[in-house]
Amino acid sequence: MKQLHRAAAGGALTFVLAVTGCGTNDTISTPTAATTVSEVHAAPDVEFAQQMIVHHRGAIEMVDLAADRAQNPEIQALAEEIRAAQAPEIDAMSSWLQTWGEEVPGDTGMDHGDMGGMEAMDMPGMMSPEQMQQLAQAEGAAFDRTFLEMMTEHHRGAVQMAQTEQAEGENPEAIALAEQIETSQAQEIDRMQQLLQSL
C-alpha cells in the first residue's frame, strides 16, 4: 500500500508558458511546472522528482557540450530549447521535494558517482561515463550525429519515467508535469529523428 502524506492541498496547479522555436516557422508552447505544489504525495512522486532532477541534469550536461561543438544550427537551437524547458523543471521539482521534506539530489555532475543517494545508471536513458567522453571528444558532423542519437535515447528514458509517474503517482502537479514531459519529449524525439535523417 502506498504511504500517503496528506495535508491541506493548497497548491493549485499553474503553468508558465514559454514559447520556443522549432528550427522552422512553427512554434510550440512549453508549459513548465509551478513551484507551488500540493502536499498530497506518495513515494512514487518523490522518486519521480528525485530521479527526474538527476535525469534532467544529464540532459543539460549534454546541452552544454552542444553549445560550442554542434555544427548544425538547428541542433544548437534544439539544445537551447531543451535547457530552457528542463532547467525550470529542475527548480520546480527541487522546490516540491523541499515542501515535502524530502532530499533534493546533490548536483555532482555526470561522473555517475554519488547522485544524492541514487545511482544514475539505474535510470533509463542515462549515458555512461564512456558515452559522455565519446560525446565530449566528437566534433562537427560526428558530434551532431552522436548528440542526436544520445539525446534521443535519453528522452526515451524520460518518457518511460514519466509514464511510470502517471500510472503510480498521487500528486496532481507531479502527474501533470509527467504528462507534459511525455508529450514534449516525444515531440523532440520526432524532431531529432528528422534531423538525423537530414545529416
N, C-alpha and C. Protein backbone atom coordinates (compact mmCIF):
# COMPACT_ATOMS: atom_id res chain seq x y z
N MET A 1 0.85 -1.19 0.00
CA MET A 1 0.00 0.00 0.00
C MET A 1 0.88 1.24 0.00
N LYS A 2 0.48 2.21 -0.80
CA LYS A 2 1.27 3.44 -0.86
C LYS A 2 1.10 4.23 0.42
N GLN A 3 2.21 4.73 0.92
CA GLN A 3 2.18 5.55 2.12
C GLN A 3 1.95 7.00 1.70
N LEU A 4 0.76 7.50 1.96
CA LEU A 4 0.41 8.85 1.55
C LEU A 4 0.66 9.82 2.69
N HIS A 5 1.22 10.96 2.33
CA HIS A 5 1.43 12.03 3.30
C HIS A 5 0.43 13.12 2.95
N ARG A 6 -0.66 13.21 3.70
CA ARG A 6 -1.73 14.10 3.32
C ARG A 6 -1.76 15.35 4.20
N ALA A 7 -2.01 16.45 3.60
CA ALA A 7 -2.23 17.71 4.29
C ALA A 7 -3.17 18.51 3.42
N ALA A 8 -3.47 19.72 3.84
CA ALA A 8 -4.34 20.56 3.02
C ALA A 8 -3.67 20.80 1.68
N ALA A 9 -4.42 20.55 0.62
CA ALA A 9 -3.85 20.70 -0.72
C ALA A 9 -3.98 22.15 -1.15
N GLY A 10 -3.01 22.96 -0.75
CA GLY A 10 -3.09 24.38 -1.02
C GLY A 10 -2.47 24.80 -2.32
N GLY A 11 -1.81 23.88 -3.02
CA GLY A 11 -1.09 24.29 -4.22
C GLY A 11 -1.86 24.01 -5.48
N ALA A 12 -2.49 24.99 -6.02
CA ALA A 12 -3.18 24.82 -7.29
C ALA A 12 -2.16 24.77 -8.41
N LEU A 13 -2.45 23.95 -9.39
CA LEU A 13 -1.51 23.79 -10.50
C LEU A 13 -1.59 24.99 -11.42
N THR A 14 -0.45 25.60 -11.66
CA THR A 14 -0.38 26.71 -12.61
C THR A 14 0.74 26.42 -13.58
N PHE A 15 0.67 27.06 -14.72
CA PHE A 15 1.70 26.86 -15.72
C PHE A 15 2.21 28.20 -16.23
N VAL A 16 3.50 28.26 -16.51
CA VAL A 16 4.10 29.41 -17.15
C VAL A 16 4.40 29.02 -18.58
N LEU A 17 3.90 29.78 -19.54
CA LEU A 17 4.09 29.42 -20.93
C LEU A 17 5.35 30.07 -21.47
N ALA A 18 6.20 29.26 -22.07
CA ALA A 18 7.40 29.78 -22.72
C ALA A 18 7.38 29.31 -24.16
N VAL A 19 7.38 30.23 -25.09
CA VAL A 19 7.33 29.87 -26.50
C VAL A 19 8.75 29.65 -26.99
N THR A 20 8.98 28.49 -27.58
CA THR A 20 10.30 28.16 -28.07
C THR A 20 10.21 27.82 -29.54
N GLY A 21 11.29 28.10 -30.27
CA GLY A 21 11.30 27.85 -31.69
C GLY A 21 11.58 26.40 -32.00
N CYS A 22 11.16 25.95 -33.19
CA CYS A 22 11.32 24.57 -33.60
C CYS A 22 12.35 24.41 -34.70
N GLY A 23 13.06 25.49 -35.03
CA GLY A 23 14.00 25.40 -36.12
C GLY A 23 13.32 25.59 -37.46
N THR A 24 12.00 25.86 -37.45
CA THR A 24 11.24 26.14 -38.65
C THR A 24 10.37 27.35 -38.37
N ASN A 25 9.32 27.54 -39.16
CA ASN A 25 8.40 28.64 -38.91
C ASN A 25 7.39 28.30 -37.83
N ASP A 26 7.37 27.04 -37.39
CA ASP A 26 6.42 26.62 -36.37
C ASP A 26 6.93 26.99 -34.99
N THR A 27 6.01 27.10 -34.04
CA THR A 27 6.38 27.31 -32.64
C THR A 27 5.57 26.36 -31.79
N ILE A 28 6.10 26.03 -30.62
CA ILE A 28 5.35 25.23 -29.67
C ILE A 28 5.35 25.96 -28.34
N SER A 29 4.29 25.77 -27.58
CA SER A 29 4.20 26.35 -26.24
C SER A 29 4.55 25.27 -25.24
N THR A 30 5.56 25.54 -24.44
CA THR A 30 6.04 24.54 -23.49
C THR A 30 5.74 24.99 -22.07
N PRO A 31 4.69 24.43 -21.43
CA PRO A 31 4.42 24.80 -20.05
C PRO A 31 5.45 24.19 -19.11
N THR A 32 5.87 24.94 -18.13
CA THR A 32 6.77 24.41 -17.13
C THR A 32 6.05 24.34 -15.79
N ALA A 33 6.53 23.48 -14.94
CA ALA A 33 5.83 23.19 -13.70
C ALA A 33 5.87 24.37 -12.73
N ALA A 34 4.78 24.55 -11.99
CA ALA A 34 4.74 25.58 -10.95
C ALA A 34 5.56 25.12 -9.76
N THR A 35 6.15 26.08 -9.05
CA THR A 35 6.89 25.73 -7.84
C THR A 35 5.95 25.46 -6.67
N THR A 36 4.71 25.97 -6.75
CA THR A 36 3.72 25.68 -5.71
C THR A 36 3.17 24.29 -5.92
N VAL A 37 3.13 23.49 -4.87
CA VAL A 37 2.74 22.09 -5.02
C VAL A 37 1.86 21.65 -3.86
N SER A 38 0.91 20.78 -4.13
CA SER A 38 0.11 20.18 -3.08
C SER A 38 0.97 19.30 -2.20
N GLU A 39 0.66 19.25 -0.92
CA GLU A 39 1.42 18.38 -0.02
C GLU A 39 0.96 16.93 -0.11
N VAL A 40 -0.11 16.67 -0.82
CA VAL A 40 -0.56 15.28 -1.01
C VAL A 40 0.40 14.60 -1.97
N HIS A 41 1.09 13.58 -1.49
CA HIS A 41 2.03 12.87 -2.35
C HIS A 41 2.28 11.47 -1.80
N ALA A 42 2.84 10.63 -2.66
CA ALA A 42 3.18 9.26 -2.29
C ALA A 42 4.63 9.00 -2.68
N ALA A 43 5.13 7.84 -2.30
CA ALA A 43 6.53 7.51 -2.58
C ALA A 43 6.87 7.62 -4.07
N PRO A 44 5.99 7.19 -5.00
CA PRO A 44 6.35 7.33 -6.43
C PRO A 44 6.54 8.78 -6.87
N ASP A 45 5.83 9.72 -6.24
CA ASP A 45 6.01 11.13 -6.58
C ASP A 45 7.40 11.61 -6.17
N VAL A 46 7.83 11.20 -4.99
CA VAL A 46 9.16 11.57 -4.51
C VAL A 46 10.23 10.97 -5.42
N GLU A 47 10.08 9.70 -5.76
CA GLU A 47 11.05 9.03 -6.62
C GLU A 47 11.10 9.70 -7.99
N PHE A 48 9.93 10.03 -8.53
CA PHE A 48 9.87 10.70 -9.82
C PHE A 48 10.63 12.02 -9.78
N ALA A 49 10.36 12.86 -8.79
CA ALA A 49 11.01 14.16 -8.71
C ALA A 49 12.52 14.02 -8.52
N GLN A 50 12.93 13.15 -7.61
CA GLN A 50 14.36 12.99 -7.35
C GLN A 50 15.09 12.47 -8.59
N GLN A 51 14.53 11.45 -9.21
CA GLN A 51 15.22 10.86 -10.36
C GLN A 51 15.16 11.77 -11.58
N MET A 52 14.04 12.45 -11.78
CA MET A 52 13.95 13.32 -12.96
C MET A 52 14.87 14.52 -12.83
N ILE A 53 15.12 14.99 -11.62
CA ILE A 53 16.11 16.06 -11.43
C ILE A 53 17.47 15.61 -11.94
N VAL A 54 17.90 14.43 -11.51
CA VAL A 54 19.20 13.90 -11.94
C VAL A 54 19.20 13.67 -13.45
N HIS A 55 18.10 13.14 -13.97
CA HIS A 55 17.98 12.84 -15.40
C HIS A 55 18.07 14.14 -16.21
N HIS A 56 17.35 15.17 -15.78
CA HIS A 56 17.39 16.45 -16.48
C HIS A 56 18.80 17.05 -16.43
N ARG A 57 19.48 16.92 -15.30
CA ARG A 57 20.85 17.45 -15.22
C ARG A 57 21.76 16.76 -16.25
N GLY A 58 21.52 15.48 -16.48
CA GLY A 58 22.29 14.77 -17.50
C GLY A 58 22.05 15.35 -18.88
N ALA A 59 20.78 15.67 -19.18
CA ALA A 59 20.46 16.28 -20.47
C ALA A 59 21.13 17.64 -20.61
N ILE A 60 21.12 18.43 -19.54
CA ILE A 60 21.71 19.76 -19.60
C ILE A 60 23.22 19.67 -19.77
N GLU A 61 23.85 18.64 -19.21
CA GLU A 61 25.29 18.49 -19.43
C GLU A 61 25.59 18.20 -20.90
N MET A 62 24.73 17.41 -21.54
CA MET A 62 24.90 17.19 -22.98
C MET A 62 24.66 18.48 -23.76
N VAL A 63 23.67 19.25 -23.35
CA VAL A 63 23.37 20.53 -23.99
C VAL A 63 24.56 21.48 -23.86
N ASP A 64 25.22 21.47 -22.71
CA ASP A 64 26.39 22.33 -22.51
C ASP A 64 27.48 22.01 -23.54
N LEU A 65 27.64 20.73 -23.85
CA LEU A 65 28.62 20.34 -24.86
C LEU A 65 28.21 20.84 -26.24
N ALA A 66 26.92 20.82 -26.51
CA ALA A 66 26.43 21.25 -27.83
C ALA A 66 26.64 22.73 -28.07
N ALA A 67 26.72 23.51 -27.01
CA ALA A 67 26.82 24.96 -27.16
C ALA A 67 28.01 25.38 -28.02
N ASP A 68 29.15 24.69 -27.90
CA ASP A 68 30.31 25.08 -28.70
C ASP A 68 30.83 23.98 -29.61
N ARG A 69 30.07 22.85 -29.70
CA ARG A 69 30.53 21.76 -30.55
C ARG A 69 29.58 21.44 -31.70
N ALA A 70 28.29 21.73 -31.52
CA ALA A 70 27.32 21.39 -32.56
C ALA A 70 27.59 22.22 -33.81
N GLN A 71 27.53 21.59 -34.95
CA GLN A 71 27.78 22.26 -36.22
C GLN A 71 26.48 22.74 -36.86
N ASN A 72 25.41 21.95 -36.71
CA ASN A 72 24.12 22.26 -37.31
C ASN A 72 23.38 23.28 -36.45
N PRO A 73 22.98 24.43 -37.01
CA PRO A 73 22.30 25.44 -36.19
C PRO A 73 20.96 24.96 -35.63
N GLU A 74 20.29 24.03 -36.32
CA GLU A 74 19.04 23.50 -35.79
C GLU A 74 19.28 22.67 -34.53
N ILE A 75 20.42 21.99 -34.47
CA ILE A 75 20.77 21.22 -33.28
C ILE A 75 21.13 22.17 -32.14
N GLN A 76 21.84 23.24 -32.46
CA GLN A 76 22.14 24.24 -31.43
C GLN A 76 20.86 24.84 -30.87
N ALA A 77 19.89 25.13 -31.75
CA ALA A 77 18.63 25.69 -31.29
C ALA A 77 17.86 24.70 -30.43
N LEU A 78 17.82 23.44 -30.86
CA LEU A 78 17.14 22.40 -30.09
C LEU A 78 17.77 22.25 -28.71
N ALA A 79 19.10 22.27 -28.66
CA ALA A 79 19.80 22.12 -27.38
C ALA A 79 19.40 23.23 -26.42
N GLU A 80 19.30 24.45 -26.91
CA GLU A 80 18.91 25.56 -26.04
C GLU A 80 17.46 25.46 -25.61
N GLU A 81 16.60 24.91 -26.47
CA GLU A 81 15.21 24.69 -26.08
C GLU A 81 15.12 23.65 -24.96
N ILE A 82 15.95 22.62 -25.05
CA ILE A 82 15.97 21.60 -24.00
C ILE A 82 16.39 22.23 -22.68
N ARG A 83 17.42 23.08 -22.72
CA ARG A 83 17.85 23.77 -21.50
C ARG A 83 16.73 24.65 -20.94
N ALA A 84 16.08 25.41 -21.83
CA ALA A 84 15.03 26.34 -21.40
C ALA A 84 13.85 25.62 -20.76
N ALA A 85 13.57 24.40 -21.22
CA ALA A 85 12.46 23.64 -20.66
C ALA A 85 12.84 22.93 -19.36
N GLN A 86 14.03 22.32 -19.35
CA GLN A 86 14.35 21.41 -18.25
C GLN A 86 14.95 22.12 -17.03
N ALA A 87 15.67 23.22 -17.22
CA ALA A 87 16.22 23.92 -16.05
C ALA A 87 15.11 24.41 -15.11
N PRO A 88 14.02 25.03 -15.61
CA PRO A 88 12.94 25.42 -14.69
C PRO A 88 12.24 24.22 -14.06
N GLU A 89 12.19 23.11 -14.77
CA GLU A 89 11.57 21.91 -14.19
C GLU A 89 12.42 21.37 -13.03
N ILE A 90 13.73 21.46 -13.16
CA ILE A 90 14.61 21.07 -12.05
C ILE A 90 14.32 21.94 -10.83
N ASP A 91 14.21 23.25 -11.06
CA ASP A 91 13.94 24.17 -9.96
C ASP A 91 12.59 23.84 -9.30
N ALA A 92 11.58 23.57 -10.12
CA ALA A 92 10.25 23.28 -9.59
C ALA A 92 10.27 22.00 -8.77
N MET A 93 10.86 20.94 -9.31
CA MET A 93 10.87 19.66 -8.59
C MET A 93 11.70 19.74 -7.31
N SER A 94 12.76 20.54 -7.33
CA SER A 94 13.56 20.75 -6.11
C SER A 94 12.71 21.42 -5.05
N SER A 95 11.91 22.41 -5.46
CA SER A 95 11.01 23.10 -4.53
C SER A 95 9.97 22.14 -3.97
N TRP A 96 9.44 21.26 -4.82
CA TRP A 96 8.46 20.28 -4.35
C TRP A 96 9.06 19.40 -3.26
N LEU A 97 10.26 18.89 -3.50
CA LEU A 97 10.89 18.00 -2.53
C LEU A 97 11.12 18.71 -1.20
N GLN A 98 11.49 19.97 -1.26
CA GLN A 98 11.66 20.74 -0.02
C GLN A 98 10.33 20.89 0.70
N THR A 99 9.25 21.14 -0.05
CA THR A 99 7.92 21.25 0.55
C THR A 99 7.53 19.95 1.23
N TRP A 100 7.88 18.84 0.61
CA TRP A 100 7.51 17.52 1.16
C TRP A 100 8.47 17.05 2.25
N GLY A 101 9.54 17.79 2.51
CA GLY A 101 10.52 17.36 3.50
C GLY A 101 11.38 16.21 3.03
N GLU A 102 11.59 16.13 1.72
CA GLU A 102 12.37 15.05 1.13
C GLU A 102 13.71 15.58 0.62
N GLU A 103 14.65 14.68 0.43
CA GLU A 103 16.00 15.05 0.00
C GLU A 103 16.01 15.51 -1.45
N VAL A 104 16.69 16.62 -1.71
CA VAL A 104 16.94 17.08 -3.07
C VAL A 104 18.30 16.52 -3.50
N PRO A 105 18.36 15.81 -4.63
CA PRO A 105 19.65 15.23 -5.06
C PRO A 105 20.72 16.28 -5.21
N GLY A 106 21.94 15.94 -4.79
CA GLY A 106 23.06 16.86 -4.96
C GLY A 106 23.45 16.95 -6.41
N ASP A 107 24.02 18.10 -6.79
CA ASP A 107 24.46 18.31 -8.17
C ASP A 107 25.93 17.94 -8.26
N THR A 108 26.20 16.69 -8.63
CA THR A 108 27.58 16.20 -8.66
C THR A 108 28.08 15.96 -10.07
N GLY A 109 27.31 16.38 -11.08
CA GLY A 109 27.76 16.18 -12.45
C GLY A 109 27.52 14.76 -12.91
N MET A 110 28.03 14.44 -14.09
CA MET A 110 27.75 13.16 -14.72
C MET A 110 28.88 12.15 -14.52
N ASP A 111 29.57 12.23 -13.37
CA ASP A 111 30.61 11.24 -13.15
C ASP A 111 30.01 9.93 -12.65
N HIS A 112 28.71 9.92 -12.42
CA HIS A 112 27.98 8.72 -12.02
C HIS A 112 28.48 8.14 -10.72
N GLY A 113 28.97 9.01 -9.87
CA GLY A 113 29.29 8.59 -8.53
C GLY A 113 28.05 8.76 -7.66
N ASP A 114 28.19 9.44 -6.55
CA ASP A 114 27.06 9.65 -5.66
C ASP A 114 26.13 10.69 -6.24
N MET A 115 24.92 10.30 -6.56
CA MET A 115 23.92 11.21 -7.11
C MET A 115 22.85 11.45 -6.05
N GLY A 116 23.25 12.01 -4.93
CA GLY A 116 22.29 12.26 -3.88
C GLY A 116 21.69 10.97 -3.36
N GLY A 117 22.49 9.91 -3.28
CA GLY A 117 22.00 8.64 -2.79
C GLY A 117 21.40 7.76 -3.87
N MET A 118 21.44 8.23 -5.14
CA MET A 118 20.87 7.44 -6.23
C MET A 118 21.96 7.08 -7.23
N GLU A 119 21.85 5.92 -7.82
CA GLU A 119 22.77 5.51 -8.87
C GLU A 119 22.18 5.93 -10.20
N ALA A 120 22.83 6.89 -10.85
CA ALA A 120 22.28 7.47 -12.08
C ALA A 120 22.09 6.42 -13.16
N MET A 121 22.98 5.44 -13.23
CA MET A 121 22.89 4.46 -14.31
C MET A 121 21.71 3.52 -14.16
N ASP A 122 21.03 3.55 -13.02
CA ASP A 122 19.82 2.76 -12.85
C ASP A 122 18.63 3.38 -13.56
N MET A 123 18.76 4.62 -14.00
CA MET A 123 17.66 5.33 -14.64
C MET A 123 17.69 5.09 -16.14
N PRO A 124 16.53 4.89 -16.75
CA PRO A 124 16.50 4.64 -18.20
C PRO A 124 17.00 5.83 -18.99
N GLY A 125 17.82 5.55 -19.98
CA GLY A 125 18.29 6.59 -20.89
C GLY A 125 19.51 7.36 -20.45
N MET A 126 20.03 7.09 -19.25
CA MET A 126 21.21 7.82 -18.78
C MET A 126 22.46 7.34 -19.52
N MET A 127 23.34 8.29 -19.83
CA MET A 127 24.57 7.97 -20.52
C MET A 127 25.63 7.48 -19.54
N SER A 128 26.45 6.55 -20.00
CA SER A 128 27.57 6.08 -19.20
C SER A 128 28.70 7.10 -19.27
N PRO A 129 29.67 7.03 -18.35
CA PRO A 129 30.82 7.94 -18.44
C PRO A 129 31.54 7.81 -19.78
N GLU A 130 31.60 6.58 -20.30
CA GLU A 130 32.27 6.36 -21.58
C GLU A 130 31.52 7.05 -22.72
N GLN A 131 30.20 7.00 -22.67
CA GLN A 131 29.41 7.68 -23.70
C GLN A 131 29.57 9.19 -23.62
N MET A 132 29.60 9.72 -22.40
CA MET A 132 29.80 11.16 -22.24
C MET A 132 31.17 11.58 -22.75
N GLN A 133 32.18 10.75 -22.52
CA GLN A 133 33.52 11.05 -23.01
C GLN A 133 33.54 11.01 -24.54
N GLN A 134 32.84 10.04 -25.11
CA GLN A 134 32.74 9.96 -26.56
C GLN A 134 32.10 11.22 -27.14
N LEU A 135 31.04 11.68 -26.50
CA LEU A 135 30.37 12.89 -26.97
C LEU A 135 31.28 14.11 -26.83
N ALA A 136 31.99 14.21 -25.72
CA ALA A 136 32.87 15.35 -25.47
C ALA A 136 34.02 15.42 -26.47
N GLN A 137 34.43 14.26 -26.98
CA GLN A 137 35.56 14.21 -27.90
C GLN A 137 35.15 14.37 -29.36
N ALA A 138 33.87 14.26 -29.64
CA ALA A 138 33.39 14.35 -31.03
C ALA A 138 33.37 15.81 -31.48
N GLU A 139 33.49 16.00 -32.77
CA GLU A 139 33.48 17.35 -33.35
C GLU A 139 32.65 17.36 -34.62
N GLY A 140 32.15 18.57 -34.96
CA GLY A 140 31.48 18.77 -36.23
C GLY A 140 30.30 17.84 -36.45
N ALA A 141 30.22 17.28 -37.66
CA ALA A 141 29.10 16.42 -38.03
C ALA A 141 29.04 15.17 -37.15
N ALA A 142 30.20 14.67 -36.73
CA ALA A 142 30.23 13.50 -35.85
C ALA A 142 29.59 13.82 -34.51
N PHE A 143 29.86 15.03 -34.00
CA PHE A 143 29.21 15.44 -32.75
C PHE A 143 27.71 15.52 -32.94
N ASP A 144 27.28 16.15 -34.03
CA ASP A 144 25.85 16.33 -34.25
C ASP A 144 25.12 14.99 -34.23
N ARG A 145 25.66 14.02 -34.95
CA ARG A 145 25.01 12.71 -35.00
C ARG A 145 25.02 12.04 -33.63
N THR A 146 26.14 12.07 -32.96
CA THR A 146 26.24 11.42 -31.65
C THR A 146 25.32 12.10 -30.64
N PHE A 147 25.26 13.42 -30.67
CA PHE A 147 24.38 14.15 -29.77
C PHE A 147 22.92 13.75 -29.99
N LEU A 148 22.49 13.73 -31.25
CA LEU A 148 21.10 13.39 -31.55
C LEU A 148 20.77 11.96 -31.13
N GLU A 149 21.68 11.05 -31.38
CA GLU A 149 21.44 9.65 -31.01
C GLU A 149 21.35 9.49 -29.49
N MET A 150 22.27 10.13 -28.78
CA MET A 150 22.28 10.00 -27.32
C MET A 150 21.10 10.74 -26.69
N MET A 151 20.78 11.93 -27.19
CA MET A 151 19.67 12.68 -26.61
C MET A 151 18.34 11.98 -26.89
N THR A 152 18.24 11.32 -28.04
CA THR A 152 17.03 10.55 -28.32
C THR A 152 16.87 9.43 -27.30
N GLU A 153 17.95 8.71 -27.04
CA GLU A 153 17.90 7.64 -26.03
C GLU A 153 17.56 8.21 -24.66
N HIS A 154 18.16 9.35 -24.33
CA HIS A 154 17.91 10.00 -23.04
C HIS A 154 16.44 10.40 -22.91
N HIS A 155 15.89 11.00 -23.97
CA HIS A 155 14.48 11.40 -23.95
C HIS A 155 13.56 10.19 -23.80
N ARG A 156 13.89 9.11 -24.48
CA ARG A 156 13.05 7.91 -24.36
C ARG A 156 13.02 7.41 -22.92
N GLY A 157 14.15 7.53 -22.24
CA GLY A 157 14.18 7.16 -20.83
C GLY A 157 13.30 8.06 -19.99
N ALA A 158 13.32 9.37 -20.27
CA ALA A 158 12.48 10.31 -19.54
C ALA A 158 11.00 10.02 -19.78
N VAL A 159 10.64 9.68 -21.01
CA VAL A 159 9.26 9.34 -21.32
C VAL A 159 8.82 8.13 -20.51
N GLN A 160 9.70 7.13 -20.40
CA GLN A 160 9.39 5.94 -19.61
C GLN A 160 9.16 6.30 -18.14
N MET A 161 10.02 7.14 -17.60
CA MET A 161 9.87 7.56 -16.21
C MET A 161 8.58 8.36 -16.01
N ALA A 162 8.25 9.20 -16.98
CA ALA A 162 7.03 10.00 -16.89
C ALA A 162 5.78 9.11 -16.94
N GLN A 163 5.83 8.07 -17.75
CA GLN A 163 4.69 7.16 -17.82
C GLN A 163 4.50 6.41 -16.51
N THR A 164 5.60 6.06 -15.85
CA THR A 164 5.52 5.39 -14.55
C THR A 164 4.86 6.31 -13.52
N GLU A 165 5.25 7.59 -13.52
CA GLU A 165 4.64 8.54 -12.58
C GLU A 165 3.15 8.69 -12.84
N GLN A 166 2.75 8.74 -14.09
CA GLN A 166 1.33 8.87 -14.39
C GLN A 166 0.54 7.66 -13.92
N ALA A 167 1.16 6.49 -13.96
CA ALA A 167 0.48 5.26 -13.56
C ALA A 167 0.45 5.09 -12.04
N GLU A 168 1.49 5.57 -11.34
CA GLU A 168 1.64 5.24 -9.93
C GLU A 168 1.59 6.44 -8.99
N GLY A 169 1.76 7.65 -9.50
CA GLY A 169 1.84 8.82 -8.66
C GLY A 169 0.51 9.23 -8.08
N GLU A 170 0.57 10.11 -7.08
CA GLU A 170 -0.63 10.64 -6.40
C GLU A 170 -0.70 12.16 -6.47
N ASN A 171 0.44 12.82 -6.59
CA ASN A 171 0.45 14.28 -6.55
C ASN A 171 0.00 14.86 -7.89
N PRO A 172 -0.99 15.76 -7.88
CA PRO A 172 -1.52 16.25 -9.17
C PRO A 172 -0.51 17.05 -9.98
N GLU A 173 0.34 17.85 -9.30
CA GLU A 173 1.34 18.62 -10.02
C GLU A 173 2.40 17.71 -10.65
N ALA A 174 2.81 16.70 -9.92
CA ALA A 174 3.81 15.77 -10.45
C ALA A 174 3.25 14.99 -11.64
N ILE A 175 2.00 14.58 -11.53
CA ILE A 175 1.38 13.86 -12.64
C ILE A 175 1.24 14.76 -13.86
N ALA A 176 0.85 16.02 -13.64
CA ALA A 176 0.72 16.97 -14.75
C ALA A 176 2.07 17.21 -15.42
N LEU A 177 3.13 17.33 -14.62
CA LEU A 177 4.46 17.52 -15.21
C LEU A 177 4.87 16.28 -15.99
N ALA A 178 4.57 15.10 -15.45
CA ALA A 178 4.90 13.87 -16.15
C ALA A 178 4.21 13.81 -17.51
N GLU A 179 2.95 14.23 -17.55
CA GLU A 179 2.22 14.27 -18.82
C GLU A 179 2.89 15.22 -19.80
N GLN A 180 3.31 16.40 -19.29
CA GLN A 180 3.97 17.38 -20.13
C GLN A 180 5.32 16.86 -20.64
N ILE A 181 6.08 16.21 -19.76
CA ILE A 181 7.37 15.66 -20.18
C ILE A 181 7.18 14.62 -21.27
N GLU A 182 6.20 13.74 -21.08
CA GLU A 182 5.96 12.72 -22.10
C GLU A 182 5.63 13.36 -23.45
N THR A 183 4.75 14.35 -23.43
CA THR A 183 4.32 14.99 -24.67
C THR A 183 5.46 15.76 -25.34
N SER A 184 6.13 16.62 -24.57
CA SER A 184 7.15 17.48 -25.16
C SER A 184 8.37 16.69 -25.62
N GLN A 185 8.77 15.69 -24.82
CA GLN A 185 9.96 14.95 -25.22
C GLN A 185 9.68 13.99 -26.36
N ALA A 186 8.45 13.50 -26.47
CA ALA A 186 8.09 12.70 -27.64
C ALA A 186 8.16 13.55 -28.90
N GLN A 187 7.72 14.81 -28.80
CA GLN A 187 7.82 15.72 -29.94
C GLN A 187 9.28 15.98 -30.30
N GLU A 188 10.11 16.16 -29.29
CA GLU A 188 11.53 16.40 -29.56
C GLU A 188 12.20 15.17 -30.14
N ILE A 189 11.79 13.98 -29.74
CA ILE A 189 12.32 12.75 -30.34
C ILE A 189 12.01 12.74 -31.84
N ASP A 190 10.79 13.10 -32.20
CA ASP A 190 10.42 13.14 -33.63
C ASP A 190 11.31 14.13 -34.38
N ARG A 191 11.54 15.30 -33.78
CA ARG A 191 12.40 16.30 -34.42
C ARG A 191 13.82 15.79 -34.58
N MET A 192 14.33 15.11 -33.56
CA MET A 192 15.70 14.60 -33.64
C MET A 192 15.82 13.50 -34.68
N GLN A 193 14.79 12.69 -34.83
CA GLN A 193 14.82 11.67 -35.87
C GLN A 193 14.84 12.31 -37.25
N GLN A 194 14.10 13.39 -37.43
CA GLN A 194 14.11 14.09 -38.71
C GLN A 194 15.47 14.72 -38.98
N LEU A 195 16.07 15.29 -37.92
CA LEU A 195 17.40 15.88 -38.09
C LEU A 195 18.44 14.82 -38.41
N LEU A 196 18.34 13.66 -37.79
CA LEU A 196 19.26 12.58 -38.09
C LEU A 196 19.18 12.17 -39.55
N GLN A 197 17.99 12.13 -40.08
CA GLN A 197 17.81 11.74 -41.48
C GLN A 197 18.39 12.78 -42.43
N SER A 198 18.48 14.02 -41.96
CA SER A 198 18.98 15.09 -42.82
C SER A 198 20.50 15.22 -42.79
N LEU A 199 21.16 14.56 -41.85
CA LEU A 199 22.62 14.68 -41.74
C LEU A 199 23.33 13.89 -42.84
